[in-house]
C-alpha atoms as a PDB file:
ATOM      1  CA  MET A   1     146.022  94.037 167.528  1.00  0.00           C
ATOM      2  CA  ARG A   2     145.224  96.767 165.014  1.00  0.00           C
ATOM      3  CA  TYR A   3     147.547  97.031 162.053  1.00  0.00           C
ATOM      4  CA  ASP A   4     147.920 100.079 159.837  1.00  0.00           C
ATOM      5  CA  LEU A   5     147.752  99.082 156.166  1.00  0.00           C
ATOM      6  CA  THR A   6     150.226 101.767 155.116  1.00  0.00           C
ATOM      7  CA  SER A   7     152.745 100.521 157.677  1.00  0.00           C
ATOM      8  CA  LEU A   8     152.314  96.940 156.466  1.00  0.00           C
ATOM      9  CA  ASP A   9     152.814  98.019 152.856  1.00  0.00           C
ATOM     10  CA  LEU A  10     156.015  99.861 153.774  1.00  0.00           C
ATOM     11  CA  PHE A  11     157.206  96.845 155.753  1.00  0.00           C
ATOM     12  CA  ILE A  12     156.673  94.568 152.713  1.00  0.00           C
ATOM     13  CA  THR A  13     158.826  96.882 150.583  1.00  0.00           C
ATOM     14  CA  VAL A  14     161.564  97.034 153.226  1.00  0.00           C
ATOM     15  CA  ALA A  15     161.512  93.236 153.514  1.00  0.00           C
ATOM     16  CA  GLN A  16     161.780  92.837 149.747  1.00  0.00           C
ATOM     17  CA  GLU A  17     164.568  95.379 149.345  1.00  0.00           C
ATOM     18  CA  ARG A  18     166.400  94.514 152.594  1.00  0.00           C
ATOM     19  CA  ASN A  19     167.234  98.217 152.779  1.00  0.00           C
ATOM     20  CA  LEU A  20     165.353 101.189 154.261  1.00  0.00           C
ATOM     21  CA  THR A  21     166.885 103.723 151.888  1.00  0.00           C
ATOM     22  CA  ARG A  22     165.879 101.823 148.743  1.00  0.00           C
ATOM     23  CA  ALA A  23     162.419 101.236 150.199  1.00  0.00           C
ATOM     24  CA  GLY A  24     162.098 104.968 150.834  1.00  0.00           C
ATOM     25  CA  ARG A  25     163.004 105.776 147.235  1.00  0.00           C
ATOM     26  CA  ILE A  26     160.477 103.269 145.895  1.00  0.00           C
ATOM     27  CA  LYS A  27     157.685 104.529 148.144  1.00  0.00           C
ATOM     28  CA  HIS A  28     158.754 108.201 148.028  1.00  0.00           C
ATOM     29  CA  VAL A  29     158.863 108.301 151.829  1.00  0.00           C
ATOM     30  CA  ALA A  30     161.644 109.590 154.086  1.00  0.00           C
ATOM     31  CA  VAL A  31     163.778 106.905 155.750  1.00  0.00           C
ATOM     32  CA  SER A  32     162.993 108.403 159.152  1.00  0.00           C
ATOM     33  CA  ALA A  33     159.255 108.012 158.465  1.00  0.00           C
ATOM     34  CA  ILE A  34     159.707 104.361 157.443  1.00  0.00           C
ATOM     35  CA  SER A  35     161.832 103.693 160.515  1.00  0.00           C
ATOM     36  CA  LYS A  36     159.116 105.220 162.723  1.00  0.00           C
ATOM     37  CA  ARG A  37     156.468 103.012 161.102  1.00  0.00           C
ATOM     38  CA  ILE A  38     158.580  99.867 161.637  1.00  0.00           C
ATOM     39  CA  THR A  39     159.189 100.845 165.275  1.00  0.00           C
ATOM     40  CA  GLU A  40     155.437 101.252 165.793  1.00  0.00           C
ATOM     41  CA  LEU A  41     154.804  97.816 164.278  1.00  0.00           C
ATOM     42  CA  GLU A  42     157.426  96.260 166.552  1.00  0.00           C
ATOM     43  CA  ALA A  43     155.814  97.932 169.569  1.00  0.00           C
ATOM     44  CA  GLU A  44     152.384  96.653 168.515  1.00  0.00           C
ATOM     45  CA  ILE A  45     153.692  93.101 168.061  1.00  0.00           C
ATOM     46  CA  GLY A  46     156.049  93.167 171.004  1.00  0.00           C
ATOM     47  CA  SER A  47     158.981  91.723 169.083  1.00  0.00           C
ATOM     48  CA  PRO A  48     161.757  93.020 166.764  1.00  0.00           C
ATOM     49  CA  LEU A  49     161.003  92.612 163.068  1.00  0.00           C
ATOM     50  CA  LEU A  50     164.357  93.636 161.592  1.00  0.00           C
ATOM     51  CA  VAL A  51     168.023  93.211 162.397  1.00  0.00           C
ATOM     52  CA  ARG A  52     170.037  96.142 161.063  1.00  0.00           C
ATOM     53  CA  ASN A  53     173.547  95.552 159.707  1.00  0.00           C
ATOM     54  CA  ALA A  54     176.097  97.306 157.493  1.00  0.00           C
ATOM     55  CA  ARG A  55     174.470  96.071 154.275  1.00  0.00           C
ATOM     56  CA  GLY A  56     170.895  96.881 155.266  1.00  0.00           C
ATOM     57  CA  VAL A  57     168.410  94.806 157.234  1.00  0.00           C
ATOM     58  CA  GLU A  58     167.476  91.144 157.736  1.00  0.00           C
ATOM     59  CA  LEU A  59     164.139  89.771 158.919  1.00  0.00           C
ATOM     60  CA  THR A  60     163.762  88.196 162.346  1.00  0.00           C
ATOM     61  CA  PRO A  61     161.499  85.124 162.670  1.00  0.00           C
ATOM     62  CA  ALA A  62     158.701  87.507 163.696  1.00  0.00           C
ATOM     63  CA  GLY A  63     159.463  89.599 160.621  1.00  0.00           C
ATOM     64  CA  GLN A  64     159.256  86.546 158.350  1.00  0.00           C
ATOM     65  CA  SER A  65     155.866  85.665 159.810  1.00  0.00           C
ATOM     66  CA  LEU A  66     154.559  89.214 159.444  1.00  0.00           C
ATOM     67  CA  LEU A  67     155.776  89.354 155.836  1.00  0.00           C
ATOM     68  CA  TYR A  68     153.853  86.192 154.962  1.00  0.00           C
ATOM     69  CA  TYR A  69     150.554  87.437 156.371  1.00  0.00           C
ATOM     70  CA  ALA A  70     151.041  91.023 155.195  1.00  0.00           C
ATOM     71  CA  ARG A  71     151.438  89.770 151.609  1.00  0.00           C
ATOM     72  CA  GLN A  72     148.275  87.693 151.933  1.00  0.00           C
ATOM     73  CA  LEU A  73     146.407  90.713 153.294  1.00  0.00           C
ATOM     74  CA  LYS A  74     147.691  92.913 150.460  1.00  0.00           C
ATOM     75  CA  GLN A  75     146.534  90.349 147.891  1.00  0.00           C
ATOM     76  CA  THR A  76     143.095  90.152 149.522  1.00  0.00           C
ATOM     77  CA  MET A  77     142.770  93.935 149.553  1.00  0.00           C
ATOM     78  CA  ALA A  78     143.746  94.098 145.869  1.00  0.00           C
ATOM     79  CA  GLN A  79     141.065  91.521 145.036  1.00  0.00           C
ATOM     80  CA  LEU A  80     138.559  93.500 147.100  1.00  0.00           C
ATOM     81  CA  ASP A  81     139.411  96.726 145.246  1.00  0.00           C
ATOM     82  CA  SER A  82     139.165  94.956 141.891  1.00  0.00           C
ATOM     83  CA  GLU A  83     135.786  93.391 142.594  1.00  0.00           C
ATOM     84  CA  LEU A  84     134.234  96.472 144.145  1.00  0.00           C
ATOM     85  CA  SER A  85     135.460  98.709 141.319  1.00  0.00           C
ATOM     86  CA  GLY A  86     133.918  96.173 138.972  1.00  0.00           C
ATOM     87  CA  TYR A  87     130.518  96.724 140.590  1.00  0.00           C
ATOM     88  CA  ALA A  88     130.828 100.457 139.939  1.00  0.00           C
ATOM     89  CA  SER A  89     131.372  99.845 136.235  1.00  0.00           C
ATOM     90  CA  GLY A  90     128.639  97.228 135.956  1.00  0.00           C
ATOM     91  CA  VAL A  91     130.930  94.153 136.166  1.00  0.00           C
ATOM     92  CA  LYS A  92     129.697  91.808 138.852  1.00  0.00           C
ATOM     93  CA  GLY A  93     132.784  89.745 139.625  1.00  0.00           C
ATOM     94  CA  HIS A  94     135.836  87.813 138.453  1.00  0.00           C
ATOM     95  CA  ILE A  95     136.323  84.048 138.831  1.00  0.00           C
ATOM     96  CA  ARG A  96     139.627  82.206 138.298  1.00  0.00           C
ATOM     97  CA  ILE A  97     139.235  78.521 137.437  1.00  0.00           C
ATOM     98  CA  HIS A  98     141.865  75.795 137.070  1.00  0.00           C
ATOM     99  CA  ALA A  99     140.494  72.508 135.714  1.00  0.00           C
ATOM    100  CA  ILE A 100     141.617  69.141 134.408  1.00  0.00           C
ATOM    101  CA  THR A 101     141.284  68.357 130.703  1.00  0.00           C
ATOM    102  CA  SER A 102     138.301  66.044 131.231  1.00  0.00           C
ATOM    103  CA  ALA A 103     136.200  68.869 132.680  1.00  0.00           C
ATOM    104  CA  LEU A 104     137.257  71.363 130.016  1.00  0.00           C
ATOM    105  CA  SER A 105     136.611  68.922 127.182  1.00  0.00           C
ATOM    106  CA  GLN A 106     133.209  67.728 128.368  1.00  0.00           C
ATOM    107  CA  PHE A 107     131.263  69.981 130.689  1.00  0.00           C
ATOM    108  CA  LEU A 108     132.755  73.323 131.673  1.00  0.00           C
ATOM    109  CA  PRO A 109     132.308  75.286 128.414  1.00  0.00           C
ATOM    110  CA  GLN A 110     128.547  74.689 128.403  1.00  0.00           C
ATOM    111  CA  ASP A 111     128.253  75.384 132.128  1.00  0.00           C
ATOM    112  CA  VAL A 112     130.168  78.659 131.886  1.00  0.00           C
ATOM    113  CA  ASP A 113     128.056  79.655 128.884  1.00  0.00           C
ATOM    114  CA  GLY A 114     124.849  79.002 130.835  1.00  0.00           C
ATOM    115  CA  PHE A 115     126.105  80.996 133.802  1.00  0.00           C
ATOM    116  CA  ALA A 116     127.321  83.850 131.586  1.00  0.00           C
ATOM    117  CA  GLN A 117     123.854  84.160 130.084  1.00  0.00           C
ATOM    118  CA  LEU A 118     122.445  84.654 133.577  1.00  0.00           C
ATOM    119  CA  TYR A 119     125.265  86.988 134.677  1.00  0.00           C
ATOM    120  CA  PRO A 120     126.681  88.460 131.456  1.00  0.00           C
ATOM    121  CA  GLN A 121     129.152  90.847 133.080  1.00  0.00           C
ATOM    122  CA  ILE A 122     131.143  88.333 135.140  1.00  0.00           C
ATOM    123  CA  LYS A 123     134.726  87.765 133.951  1.00  0.00           C
ATOM    124  CA  PHE A 124     136.459  84.375 133.863  1.00  0.00           C
ATOM    125  CA  ASP A 125     140.103  83.278 133.762  1.00  0.00           C
ATOM    126  CA  ILE A 126     140.212  79.556 132.940  1.00  0.00           C
ATOM    127  CA  GLU A 127     143.400  77.478 132.807  1.00  0.00           C
ATOM    128  CA  GLU A 128     143.939  73.797 132.005  1.00  0.00           C
ATOM    129  CA  ARG A 129     146.081  71.958 134.580  1.00  0.00           C
ATOM    130  CA  VAL A 130     146.703  68.425 135.849  1.00  0.00           C
ATOM    131  CA  GLY A 131     144.909  67.511 139.080  1.00  0.00           C
ATOM    132  CA  SER A 132     147.816  68.051 141.481  1.00  0.00           C
ATOM    133  CA  ALA A 133     148.526  71.477 139.978  1.00  0.00           C
ATOM    134  CA  VAL A 134     144.842  72.412 140.331  1.00  0.00           C
ATOM    135  CA  ILE A 135     145.014  71.593 144.037  1.00  0.00           C
ATOM    136  CA  ARG A 136     148.155  73.688 144.516  1.00  0.00           C
ATOM    137  CA  ALA A 137     146.644  76.660 142.685  1.00  0.00           C
ATOM    138  CA  VAL A 138     143.481  76.627 144.788  1.00  0.00           C
ATOM    139  CA  ALA A 139     145.391  76.093 148.036  1.00  0.00           C
ATOM    140  CA  ASP A 140     147.733  79.041 147.510  1.00  0.00           C
ATOM    141  CA  GLY A 141     145.072  81.397 146.160  1.00  0.00           C
ATOM    142  CA  ARG A 142     146.040  81.505 142.469  1.00  0.00           C
ATOM    143  CA  ALA A 143     142.670  79.958 141.581  1.00  0.00           C
ATOM    144  CA  ASP A 144     139.271  80.542 143.189  1.00  0.00           C
ATOM    145  CA  LEU A 145     137.870  77.215 142.013  1.00  0.00           C
ATOM    146  CA  GLY A 146     139.305  73.951 140.769  1.00  0.00           C
ATOM    147  CA  ILE A 147     137.869  70.895 139.054  1.00  0.00           C
ATOM    148  CA  ILE A 148     139.577  67.545 139.632  1.00  0.00           C
ATOM    149  CA  ALA A 149     138.881  63.830 139.433  1.00  0.00           C
ATOM    150  CA  ALA A 150     137.867  62.228 142.714  1.00  0.00           C
ATOM    151  CA  GLN A 151     141.043  60.114 142.671  1.00  0.00           C
ATOM    152  CA  THR A 152     143.138  63.257 143.258  1.00  0.00           C
ATOM    153  CA  ALA A 153     143.712  64.028 146.952  1.00  0.00           C
ATOM    154  CA  SER A 154     142.000  67.308 147.856  1.00  0.00           C
ATOM    155  CA  GLU A 155     144.565  68.136 150.579  1.00  0.00           C
ATOM    156  CA  GLY A 156     142.028  69.461 153.100  1.00  0.00           C
ATOM    157  CA  LEU A 157     140.179  71.701 150.643  1.00  0.00           C
ATOM    158  CA  GLU A 158     136.387  71.604 150.453  1.00  0.00           C
ATOM    159  CA  THR A 159     134.769  69.637 147.623  1.00  0.00           C
ATOM    160  CA  LEU A 160     131.367  69.147 145.989  1.00  0.00           C
ATOM    161  CA  THR A 161     130.325  66.713 143.270  1.00  0.00           C
ATOM    162  CA  TYR A 162     130.444  68.321 139.827  1.00  0.00           C
ATOM    163  CA  ARG A 163     129.766  65.623 137.211  1.00  0.00           C
ATOM    164  CA  HIS A 164     130.154  61.920 136.458  1.00  0.00           C
ATOM    165  CA  ASP A 165     131.819  60.515 133.358  1.00  0.00           C
ATOM    166  CA  GLU A 166     132.727  57.133 131.868  1.00  0.00           C
ATOM    167  CA  LEU A 167     136.208  56.121 130.742  1.00  0.00           C
ATOM    168  CA  THR A 168     136.255  54.061 127.564  1.00  0.00           C
ATOM    169  CA  LEU A 169     138.893  52.269 125.530  1.00  0.00           C
ATOM    170  CA  VAL A 170     139.494  53.802 122.093  1.00  0.00           C
ATOM    171  CA  VAL A 171     141.264  51.869 119.327  1.00  0.00           C
ATOM    172  CA  PRO A 172     141.745  52.256 115.548  1.00  0.00           C
ATOM    173  CA  SER A 173     138.864  50.717 113.584  1.00  0.00           C
ATOM    174  CA  GLY A 174     141.219  48.049 112.176  1.00  0.00           C
ATOM    175  CA  HIS A 175     142.690  47.062 115.553  1.00  0.00           C
ATOM    176  CA  GLU A 176     142.304  43.501 116.859  1.00  0.00           C
ATOM    177  CA  LEU A 177     140.237  44.815 119.791  1.00  0.00           C
ATOM    178  CA  ALA A 178     137.891  46.845 117.583  1.00  0.00           C
ATOM    179  CA  THR A 179     135.393  43.981 117.310  1.00  0.00           C
ATOM    180  CA  ARG A 180     134.953  43.773 121.082  1.00  0.00           C
ATOM    181  CA  LYS A 181     131.991  45.452 122.734  1.00  0.00           C
ATOM    182  CA  VAL A 182     133.182  45.009 126.322  1.00  0.00           C
ATOM    183  CA  ILE A 183     136.665  44.302 127.655  1.00  0.00           C
ATOM    184  CA  LYS A 184     138.526  43.908 130.947  1.00  0.00           C
ATOM    185  CA  PHE A 185     141.443  46.221 131.647  1.00  0.00           C
ATOM    186  CA  LYS A 186     143.809  43.276 132.088  1.00  0.00           C
ATOM    187  CA  GLU A 187     143.378  42.317 128.428  1.00  0.00           C
ATOM    188  CA  VAL A 188     144.040  45.911 127.343  1.00  0.00           C
ATOM    189  CA  LEU A 189     147.394  46.060 129.138  1.00  0.00           C
ATOM    190  CA  GLU A 190     149.004  43.746 126.583  1.00  0.00           C
ATOM    191  CA  HIS A 191     148.990  46.672 124.116  1.00  0.00           C
ATOM    192  CA  GLU A 192     150.939  49.920 123.836  1.00  0.00           C
ATOM    193  CA  PHE A 193     149.207  53.109 124.980  1.00  0.00           C
ATOM    194  CA  VAL A 194     148.937  56.724 123.987  1.00  0.00           C
ATOM    195  CA  GLY A 195     148.648  58.231 127.445  1.00  0.00           C
ATOM    196  CA  PRO A 196     148.228  61.552 129.238  1.00  0.00           C
ATOM    197  CA  HIS A 197     150.819  63.584 131.168  1.00  0.00           C
ATOM    198  CA  LEU A 198     152.538  61.786 134.060  1.00  0.00           C
ATOM    199  CA  GLU A 199     151.007  64.097 136.688  1.00  0.00           C
ATOM    200  CA  SER A 200     147.453  63.800 135.375  1.00  0.00           C
ATOM    201  CA  SER A 201     144.730  62.080 137.387  1.00  0.00           C
ATOM    202  CA  MET A 202     144.051  59.795 134.407  1.00  0.00           C
ATOM    203  CA  HIS A 203     147.668  58.557 134.368  1.00  0.00           C
ATOM    204  CA  THR A 204     147.580  58.005 138.143  1.00  0.00           C
ATOM    205  CA  LEU A 205     144.351  56.017 137.835  1.00  0.00           C
ATOM    206  CA  LEU A 206     145.483  53.819 134.951  1.00  0.00           C
ATOM    207  CA  THR A 207     148.938  53.050 136.352  1.00  0.00           C
ATOM    208  CA  GLY A 208     147.438  52.354 139.778  1.00  0.00           C
ATOM    209  CA  GLU A 209     144.921  49.886 138.342  1.00  0.00           C
ATOM    210  CA  ALA A 210     147.659  48.209 136.320  1.00  0.00           C
ATOM    211  CA  VAL A 211     149.768  47.746 139.464  1.00  0.00           C
ATOM    212  CA  LYS A 212     146.781  46.127 141.219  1.00  0.00           C
ATOM    213  CA  LEU A 213     146.763  43.567 138.415  1.00  0.00           C
ATOM    214  CA  GLY A 214     150.497  42.960 138.780  1.00  0.00           C
ATOM    215  CA  MET A 215     151.144  44.557 135.400  1.00  0.00           C
ATOM    216  CA  SER A 216     152.360  47.862 133.993  1.00  0.00           C
ATOM    217  CA  LEU A 217     151.116  50.437 131.517  1.00  0.00           C
ATOM    218  CA  LYS A 218     153.091  50.268 128.255  1.00  0.00           C
ATOM    219  CA  LEU A 219     153.248  53.955 127.398  1.00  0.00           C
ATOM    220  CA  ARG A 220     154.515  54.632 123.898  1.00  0.00           C
ATOM    221  CA  ILE A 221     153.477  58.293 123.700  1.00  0.00           C
ATOM    222  CA  ARG A 222     152.500  60.843 126.344  1.00  0.00           C
ATOM    223  CA  ILE A 223     150.474  63.866 125.310  1.00  0.00           C
ATOM    224  CA  SER A 224     148.098  66.156 127.211  1.00  0.00           C
ATOM    225  CA  SER A 225     145.496  66.996 124.534  1.00  0.00           C
ATOM    226  CA  PHE A 226     142.557  64.608 124.137  1.00  0.00           C
ATOM    227  CA  ASP A 227     142.232  65.677 120.511  1.00  0.00           C
ATOM    228  CA  CYS A 228     145.886  64.800 119.852  1.00  0.00           C
ATOM    229  CA  MET A 229     145.515  61.501 121.693  1.00  0.00           C
ATOM    230  CA  CYS A 230     142.683  60.524 119.335  1.00  0.00           C
ATOM    231  CA  ARG A 231     144.781  61.529 116.332  1.00  0.00           C
ATOM    232  CA  MET A 232     147.696  59.417 117.581  1.00  0.00           C
ATOM    233  CA  VAL A 233     145.408  56.415 118.088  1.00  0.00           C
ATOM    234  CA  SER A 234     143.944  56.944 114.620  1.00  0.00           C
ATOM    235  CA  ALA A 235     147.497  56.866 113.217  1.00  0.00           C
ATOM    236  CA  GLY A 236     148.046  53.454 114.806  1.00  0.00           C
ATOM    237  CA  LEU A 237     150.542  54.634 117.433  1.00  0.00           C
ATOM    238  CA  GLY A 238     148.743  53.009 120.352  1.00  0.00           C
ATOM    239  CA  ILE A 239     145.401  52.684 122.115  1.00  0.00           C
ATOM    240  CA  ALA A 240     143.986  55.046 124.756  1.00  0.00           C
ATOM    241  CA  VAL A 241     141.498  55.365 127.580  1.00  0.00           C
ATOM    242  CA  LEU A 242     139.401  58.533 127.356  1.00  0.00           C
ATOM    243  CA  PRO A 243     136.011  59.862 128.493  1.00  0.00           C
ATOM    244  CA  ARG A 244     133.234  58.491 126.280  1.00  0.00           C
ATOM    245  CA  SER A 245     131.675  61.896 125.587  1.00  0.00           C
ATOM    246  CA  VAL A 246     135.062  63.130 124.325  1.00  0.00           C
ATOM    247  CA  ILE A 247     135.749  60.323 121.888  1.00  0.00           C
ATOM    248  CA  ASN A 248     132.209  60.158 120.465  1.00  0.00           C
ATOM    249  CA  GLN A 249     132.922  63.214 118.321  1.00  0.00           C
ATOM    250  CA  TYR A 250     136.030  61.576 116.809  1.00  0.00           C
ATOM    251  CA  LEU A 251     134.775  58.027 116.117  1.00  0.00           C
ATOM    252  CA  ARG A 252     133.574  58.582 112.556  1.00  0.00           C
ATOM    253  CA  SER A 253     135.996  61.297 111.403  1.00  0.00           C
ATOM    254  CA  HIS A 254     139.106  59.509 112.747  1.00  0.00           C
ATOM    255  CA  LYS A 255     137.933  55.925 112.069  1.00  0.00           C
ATOM    256  CA  LEU A 256     138.059  54.928 115.726  1.00  0.00           C
ATOM    257  CA  LYS A 257     136.141  52.385 117.757  1.00  0.00           C
ATOM    258  CA  ALA A 258     135.014  52.741 121.397  1.00  0.00           C
ATOM    259  CA  VAL A 259     135.072  49.615 123.575  1.00  0.00           C
ATOM    260  CA  THR A 260     133.366  49.619 126.972  1.00  0.00           C
ATOM    261  CA  LEU A 261     135.691  48.950 129.915  1.00  0.00           C
ATOM    262  CA  ASP A 262     134.163  46.403 132.278  1.00  0.00           C
ATOM    263  CA  GLU A 263     135.670  48.002 135.399  1.00  0.00           C
ATOM    264  CA  PRO A 264     133.982  49.846 138.307  1.00  0.00           C
ATOM    265  CA  TRP A 265     136.654  52.546 138.267  1.00  0.00           C
ATOM    266  CA  ALA A 266     135.778  53.420 134.653  1.00  0.00           C
ATOM    267  CA  HIS A 267     132.843  55.391 136.054  1.00  0.00           C
ATOM    268  CA  ARG A 268     134.439  58.493 137.574  1.00  0.00           C
ATOM    269  CA  THR A 269     133.304  61.444 139.640  1.00  0.00           C
ATOM    270  CA  LEU A 270     134.595  64.948 138.990  1.00  0.00           C
ATOM    271  CA  LEU A 271     134.748  67.336 141.934  1.00  0.00           C
ATOM    272  CA  LEU A 272     134.614  71.083 142.460  1.00  0.00           C
ATOM    273  CA  VAL A 273     137.369  72.094 144.887  1.00  0.00           C
ATOM    274  CA  PHE A 274     137.695  75.388 146.776  1.00  0.00           C
ATOM    275  CA  ARG A 275     139.101  76.744 150.025  1.00  0.00           C
ATOM    276  CA  LYS A 276     136.073  77.653 152.176  1.00  0.00           C
ATOM    277  CA  TYR A 277     132.542  77.945 150.836  1.00  0.00           C
ATOM    278  CA  GLU A 278     131.421  80.159 153.720  1.00  0.00           C
ATOM    279  CA  ALA A 279     134.362  82.528 153.165  1.00  0.00           C
ATOM    280  CA  ALA A 280     133.906  82.694 149.373  1.00  0.00           C
ATOM    281  CA  SER A 281     132.707  85.838 147.627  1.00  0.00           C
ATOM    282  CA  PRO A 282     128.995  86.000 146.732  1.00  0.00           C
ATOM    283  CA  THR A 283     129.956  85.711 143.054  1.00  0.00           C
ATOM    284  CA  LEU A 284     131.960  82.525 143.626  1.00  0.00           C
ATOM    285  CA  LYS A 285     129.240  81.005 145.835  1.00  0.00           C
ATOM    286  CA  THR A 286     126.657  81.634 143.120  1.00  0.00           C
ATOM    287  CA  PHE A 287     128.891  79.994 140.511  1.00  0.00           C
ATOM    288  CA  ILE A 288     129.586  76.963 142.731  1.00  0.00           C
ATOM    289  CA  ASP A 289     125.863  76.547 143.315  1.00  0.00           C
ATOM    290  CA  HIS A 290     125.316  76.737 139.548  1.00  0.00           C
ATOM    291  CA  LEU A 291     127.894  73.990 138.869  1.00  0.00           C
ATOM    292  CA  LYS A 292     127.347  71.470 141.648  1.00  0.00           C
ATOM    293  CA  LEU A 293     125.135  68.434 141.152  1.00  0.00           C
ATOM    294  CA  PRO A 294     121.841  68.552 143.102  1.00  0.00           C
ATOM    295  CA  GLU A 295     121.961  66.465 146.265  1.00  0.00           C
END
């Protein structure tokens, strides 16, 4: 089938307005012309798209399906126009990234900086999200690339290894555990925690490991910022588990102590997640190749 983009655009407006007259006013097109376009689409598909009634129109099941794919096509065409117009003005692309806090706090700023030095005219939109929200954003096209912890289900999206990090216990320097160099997670669970957001991959990991031990995580405070978590621990409001490279910068200034967790799961893998590498834009492919760990 060959679809006319103008007809699809008019159909989207009719579907949104549920009225041919209002759609005509919005698009500055005669109602008869819109009706002719809809009729041609129905003939091409071989099925009615609209049911006309006294109030306007309603979508048939075929119309609902066409609306879904027509919107996707319109979004793709808008992205195409944006990227190609960017080439004309010297801008070489636009990448939307959603990432978990661990990636943003440890690795991504330096990696984006290195890439930007190689390709100085590429634009970035970067948002911090919990792992499940990153997956949803990539799956529905709101993000081109996501970064998650390996514990988060990728829901059929493609993944590549990004980085590895180590989770470490952080306690106030005067805490009873501050003299320990290494500790098992079971011993840690006797104490109250400053923890991350409920939907975060870190929370899922810690609560899951606690359940395996037949115990629970005693959460006193939940907060999403690693910086704020360290400040809360420093104030004596609980202990926390955070990436080692994050807490190193706070140990002296906040009078904190890092204690190694003697657990295999404390060594994590962070993943790049995207829809289809082969279908990605050249700009996105180049960025993915820049970020991924060598095999």
